[in-house]
Structure formats: structure tokens, C-alpha cells
Amino acid sequence: MDCGSRGFNKPVSPPLAMWERDSQVIELVKGEEGLGFSILDYQDPEDDSKTVLVIRSLVPGGVADSDGRLLPGDRLMSVNDVDLVRSTLGHAVHVLKTTGYGVVRIGVAWIPAADRVLCPGVHPRVVEVVERRDPVVIER
């Protein structure tokens, strides 16, 4: 994974590893500059006849980059109440572009915590380490 000069701003290829099974919903505030990330469709590693939507890159200093919870390689699952699990890229782009200004609820399945540890430095995140029973905080 190419971490980029600041951490995660350069486009990267999605990981071959799966995403965490539980998706998270994060809220970002969309303004005139948008949400600050791009997406791509990627062959589903579990079913090569299907695709999944993945965060391709973050706009440096944009909403998603400043928030710090989305990273390239994370899987986009929904936007507000629109399920994007089996959506086409075109439909997902349309949904993102036509979503109004204000709070936008983004459903995301994160890349595994171990893969996030490879490129630390954007924002703190608590990660459960299997060998240890206590949480580890990854800091800037």
C-alpha cells in the first residue's frame, strides 16, 4: 500500500485482504467542496462475478481527510439510506453527487486493522491486537 507523503492521500489499489465484516456509519459534513474522496469499483475477492465499491483516494485537506476515519481501500457500503452493496459505480457516483449539503451518513467496511497499522499517522484509532488483550492506540 502506498501511504503517500502525508499518509493516505495518494490513490492506492484496494487491498487483496477482505474488509471487516461489521460496517460502520460515519457522518461527514458535505459543503461546496464535496466529501473529499473518490471511489472505484473493484472485483469482489469473494465472488469474481461481482464488484464492490472502494475508496480510491482522499482529497488532501478535504472533509474525509480532515475527519480521518476513511482511508483508501475501505469499502463503501451506503450513503444516507441508499444501499450501495451491489451498486454500479455510475449509480454510486450519482448518489454521492446528488446528496445535498450538510450531514451525510457514509456506511463503510474498513480494511482490517492490521492493514491500517502498516501506514500509521493520520488520526488516532484504537486497534485490538490479538496477541495482547489491551487496545493499542495508533497516533500521529
C-alpha atoms as a PDB file:
ATOM      1  CA  MET A   1       0.000   0.000   0.000  1.00  0.00           C
ATOM      2  CA  ASP A   2       1.431   3.387  -0.965  1.00  0.00           C
ATOM      3  CA  CYS A   3       0.974   5.610   2.061  1.00  0.00           C
ATOM      4  CA  GLY A   4       1.823   8.866   0.317  1.00  0.00           C
ATOM      5  CA  SER A   5       3.798  11.757   1.700  1.00  0.00           C
ATOM      6  CA  ARG A   6       1.120  12.753   4.239  1.00  0.00           C
ATOM      7  CA  GLY A   7      -0.223   9.344   4.991  1.00  0.00           C
ATOM      8  CA  PHE A   8      -3.091   8.317   2.745  1.00  0.00           C
ATOM      9  CA  ASN A   9      -3.735  10.918   0.065  1.00  0.00           C
ATOM     10  CA  LYS A  10      -2.320   9.150  -2.979  1.00  0.00           C
ATOM     11  CA  PRO A  11      -4.615   6.733  -4.824  1.00  0.00           C
ATOM     12  CA  VAL A  12      -3.922   3.150  -3.930  1.00  0.00           C
ATOM     13  CA  SER A  13      -5.008  -0.220  -5.185  1.00  0.00           C
ATOM     14  CA  PRO A  14      -7.521  -1.802  -2.851  1.00  0.00           C
ATOM     15  CA  PRO A  15      -6.076  -4.477  -0.600  1.00  0.00           C
ATOM     16  CA  LEU A  16      -6.414  -8.114  -1.535  1.00  0.00           C
ATOM     17  CA  ALA A  17      -7.488  -8.748   2.035  1.00  0.00           C
ATOM     18  CA  MET A  18     -11.142  -8.674   2.913  1.00  0.00           C
ATOM     19  CA  TRP A  19     -12.864  -5.882   4.764  1.00  0.00           C
ATOM     20  CA  GLU A  20     -14.061  -6.035   8.312  1.00  0.00           C
ATOM     21  CA  ARG A  21     -17.416  -7.829   8.454  1.00  0.00           C
ATOM     22  CA  ASP A  22     -19.133  -5.145  10.514  1.00  0.00           C
ATOM     23  CA  SER A  23     -19.726  -1.910   8.694  1.00  0.00           C
ATOM     24  CA  GLN A  24     -19.554   1.442  10.430  1.00  0.00           C
ATOM     25  CA  VAL A  25     -21.607   4.561   9.782  1.00  0.00           C
ATOM     26  CA  ILE A  26     -19.726   7.816   9.940  1.00  0.00           C
ATOM     27  CA  GLU A  27     -21.097  11.281   9.438  1.00  0.00           C
ATOM     28  CA  LEU A  28     -19.310  13.803   7.251  1.00  0.00           C
ATOM     29  CA  VAL A  29     -20.474  17.343   6.556  1.00  0.00           C
ATOM     30  CA  LYS A  30     -20.735  17.992   2.820  1.00  0.00           C
ATOM     31  CA  GLY A  31     -20.155  21.531   1.658  1.00  0.00           C
ATOM     32  CA  GLU A  32     -19.441  23.132  -1.704  1.00  0.00           C
ATOM     33  CA  GLU A  33     -16.162  21.205  -1.937  1.00  0.00           C
ATOM     34  CA  GLY A  34     -17.918  17.841  -1.637  1.00  0.00           C
ATOM     35  CA  LEU A  35     -16.966  14.986   0.680  1.00  0.00           C
ATOM     36  CA  GLY A  36     -13.313  14.822  -0.359  1.00  0.00           C
ATOM     37  CA  PHE A  37     -12.882  11.257  -1.587  1.00  0.00           C
ATOM     38  CA  SER A  38     -13.038   9.322  -4.826  1.00  0.00           C
ATOM     39  CA  ILE A  39     -14.280   5.790  -5.379  1.00  0.00           C
ATOM     40  CA  LEU A  40     -13.685   2.948  -7.813  1.00  0.00           C
ATOM     41  CA  ASP A  41     -15.255  -0.406  -8.472  1.00  0.00           C
ATOM     42  CA  TYR A  42     -13.134  -3.424  -7.682  1.00  0.00           C
ATOM     43  CA  GLN A  43     -13.568  -7.133  -8.294  1.00  0.00           C
ATOM     44  CA  ASP A  44     -15.106  -8.740  -5.219  1.00  0.00           C
ATOM     45  CA  PRO A  45     -12.456 -11.054  -3.735  1.00  0.00           C
ATOM     46  CA  GLU A  46     -15.222 -13.386  -2.521  1.00  0.00           C
ATOM     47  CA  ASP A  47     -17.056 -13.594  -5.874  1.00  0.00           C
ATOM     48  CA  ASP A  48     -15.214 -12.725  -9.085  1.00  0.00           C
ATOM     49  CA  SER A  49     -18.515 -12.239 -10.933  1.00  0.00           C
ATOM     50  CA  LYS A  50     -19.321  -9.196  -8.754  1.00  0.00           C
ATOM     51  CA  THR A  51     -17.724  -5.882  -7.909  1.00  0.00           C
ATOM     52  CA  VAL A  52     -17.512  -3.805  -4.746  1.00  0.00           C
ATOM     53  CA  LEU A  53     -17.086  -0.070  -4.303  1.00  0.00           C
ATOM     54  CA  VAL A  54     -13.866   1.057  -2.670  1.00  0.00           C
ATOM     55  CA  ILE A  55     -12.468   4.410  -1.514  1.00  0.00           C
ATOM     56  CA  ARG A  56      -9.762   5.194  -4.085  1.00  0.00           C
ATOM     57  CA  SER A  57      -8.219   8.344  -2.658  1.00  0.00           C
ATOM     58  CA  LEU A  58      -8.762  11.268  -0.311  1.00  0.00           C
ATOM     59  CA  VAL A  59      -8.507  14.913  -1.291  1.00  0.00           C
ATOM     60  CA  PRO A  60      -5.695  16.406   0.820  1.00  0.00           C
ATOM     61  CA  GLY A  61      -7.265  18.733   3.378  1.00  0.00           C
ATOM     62  CA  GLY A  62     -10.779  17.735   2.284  1.00  0.00           C
ATOM     63  CA  VAL A  63     -13.637  16.704   4.534  1.00  0.00           C
ATOM     64  CA  ALA A  64     -12.801  12.971   4.620  1.00  0.00           C
ATOM     65  CA  ASP A  65      -9.055  13.586   5.007  1.00  0.00           C
ATOM     66  CA  SER A  66      -9.582  16.034   7.873  1.00  0.00           C
ATOM     67  CA  ASP A  67     -12.014  13.666   9.582  1.00  0.00           C
ATOM     68  CA  GLY A  68      -9.543  10.778   9.368  1.00  0.00           C
ATOM     69  CA  ARG A  69     -11.883   7.798   9.586  1.00  0.00           C
ATOM     70  CA  LEU A  70     -11.987   6.890   5.875  1.00  0.00           C
ATOM     71  CA  LEU A  71      -8.885   5.508   4.220  1.00  0.00           C
ATOM     72  CA  PRO A  72      -8.122   4.356   0.690  1.00  0.00           C
ATOM     73  CA  GLY A  73      -9.078   0.711   0.422  1.00  0.00           C
ATOM     74  CA  ASP A  74     -12.131   0.981   2.682  1.00  0.00           C
ATOM     75  CA  ARG A  75     -15.329  -0.417   1.162  1.00  0.00           C
ATOM     76  CA  LEU A  76     -18.258   1.957   0.556  1.00  0.00           C
ATOM     77  CA  MET A  77     -21.496   0.289   1.690  1.00  0.00           C
ATOM     78  CA  SER A  78     -24.096   3.067   1.742  1.00  0.00           C
ATOM     79  CA  VAL A  79     -24.760   6.781   1.558  1.00  0.00           C
ATOM     80  CA  ASN A  80     -27.545   8.038   3.809  1.00  0.00           C
ATOM     81  CA  ASP A  81     -30.346   5.498   3.296  1.00  0.00           C
ATOM     82  CA  VAL A  82     -29.119   4.265  -0.100  1.00  0.00           C
ATOM     83  CA  ASP A  83     -27.653   0.749  -0.007  1.00  0.00           C
ATOM     84  CA  LEU A  84     -24.649   0.541  -2.347  1.00  0.00           C
ATOM     85  CA  VAL A  85     -23.525  -3.021  -1.576  1.00  0.00           C
ATOM     86  CA  ARG A  86     -24.324  -4.264  -5.113  1.00  0.00           C
ATOM     87  CA  SER A  87     -24.469  -0.874  -6.819  1.00  0.00           C
ATOM     88  CA  THR A  88     -22.736   0.022 -10.044  1.00  0.00           C
ATOM     89  CA  LEU A  89     -20.001   2.646  -9.924  1.00  0.00           C
ATOM     90  CA  GLY A  90     -22.146   5.000 -12.003  1.00  0.00           C
ATOM     91  CA  HIS A  91     -25.075   4.755  -9.601  1.00  0.00           C
ATOM     92  CA  ALA A  92     -22.839   5.308  -6.572  1.00  0.00           C
ATOM     93  CA  VAL A  93     -21.250   8.381  -8.156  1.00  0.00           C
ATOM     94  CA  HIS A  94     -24.731   9.734  -8.923  1.00  0.00           C
ATOM     95  CA  VAL A  95     -25.843   9.177  -5.311  1.00  0.00           C
ATOM     96  CA  LEU A  96     -22.737  10.910  -3.932  1.00  0.00           C
ATOM     97  CA  LYS A  97     -23.011  13.870  -6.303  1.00  0.00           C
ATOM     98  CA  THR A  98     -26.739  14.432  -5.768  1.00  0.00           C
ATOM     99  CA  THR A  99     -26.626  14.161  -1.980  1.00  0.00           C
ATOM    100  CA  GLY A 100     -27.362  17.600  -0.578  1.00  0.00           C
ATOM    101  CA  TYR A 101     -25.142  19.751   1.595  1.00  0.00           C
ATOM    102  CA  GLY A 102     -24.998  19.063   5.291  1.00  0.00           C
ATOM    103  CA  VAL A 103     -24.535  15.862   7.272  1.00  0.00           C
ATOM    104  CA  VAL A 104     -24.076  12.767   5.095  1.00  0.00           C
ATOM    105  CA  ARG A 105     -24.101   9.296   6.638  1.00  0.00           C
ATOM    106  CA  ILE A 106     -21.460   7.091   4.995  1.00  0.00           C
ATOM    107  CA  GLY A 107     -21.618   3.338   5.580  1.00  0.00           C
ATOM    108  CA  VAL A 108     -18.172   1.798   5.279  1.00  0.00           C
ATOM    109  CA  ALA A 109     -16.464  -1.526   5.895  1.00  0.00           C
ATOM    110  CA  TRP A 110     -12.919  -0.762   6.937  1.00  0.00           C
ATOM    111  CA  ILE A 111      -9.877  -2.615   5.719  1.00  0.00           C
ATOM    112  CA  PRO A 112      -8.600  -4.881   8.502  1.00  0.00           C
ATOM    113  CA  ALA A 113      -6.948  -3.121  11.431  1.00  0.00           C
ATOM    114  CA  ALA A 114      -3.651  -4.888  10.730  1.00  0.00           C
ATOM    115  CA  ASP A 115      -3.510  -3.267   7.281  1.00  0.00           C
ATOM    116  CA  ARG A 116      -4.194   0.157   8.803  1.00  0.00           C
ATOM    117  CA  VAL A 117      -1.183  -0.302  11.098  1.00  0.00           C
ATOM    118  CA  LEU A 118       1.108  -0.561   8.050  1.00  0.00           C
ATOM    119  CA  CYS A 119       0.706   3.152   7.361  1.00  0.00           C
ATOM    120  CA  PRO A 120       0.067   4.891  10.689  1.00  0.00           C
ATOM    121  CA  GLY A 121      -0.041   8.603  11.066  1.00  0.00           C
ATOM    122  CA  VAL A 122      -3.329  10.128  10.010  1.00  0.00           C
ATOM    123  CA  HIS A 123      -5.523  10.092  13.129  1.00  0.00           C
ATOM    124  CA  PRO A 124      -5.551   8.004  16.292  1.00  0.00           C
ATOM    125  CA  ARG A 125      -7.572   4.806  16.131  1.00  0.00           C
ATOM    126  CA  VAL A 126      -7.904   2.115  18.769  1.00  0.00           C
ATOM    127  CA  VAL A 127      -6.955  -1.278  17.378  1.00  0.00           C
ATOM    128  CA  GLU A 128      -7.466  -4.619  19.100  1.00  0.00           C
ATOM    129  CA  VAL A 129      -4.291  -6.691  18.903  1.00  0.00           C
ATOM    130  CA  VAL A 130      -4.930 -10.447  19.064  1.00  0.00           C
ATOM    131  CA  GLU A 131      -1.731 -11.352  20.940  1.00  0.00           C
ATOM    132  CA  ARG A 132      -2.444  -8.724  23.560  1.00  0.00           C
ATOM    133  CA  ARG A 133      -5.761  -8.209  25.269  1.00  0.00           C
ATOM    134  CA  ASP A 134      -5.369  -4.458  25.716  1.00  0.00           C
ATOM    135  CA  PRO A 135      -6.086  -1.892  22.986  1.00  0.00           C
ATOM    136  CA  VAL A 136      -3.263  -0.120  21.164  1.00  0.00           C
ATOM    137  CA  VAL A 137      -3.636   3.494  20.089  1.00  0.00           C
ATOM    138  CA  ILE A 138      -2.025   4.456  16.812  1.00  0.00           C
ATOM    139  CA  GLU A 139      -1.061   8.107  16.972  1.00  0.00           C
ATOM    140  CA  ARG A 140       0.322  10.674  14.578  1.00  0.00           C
END
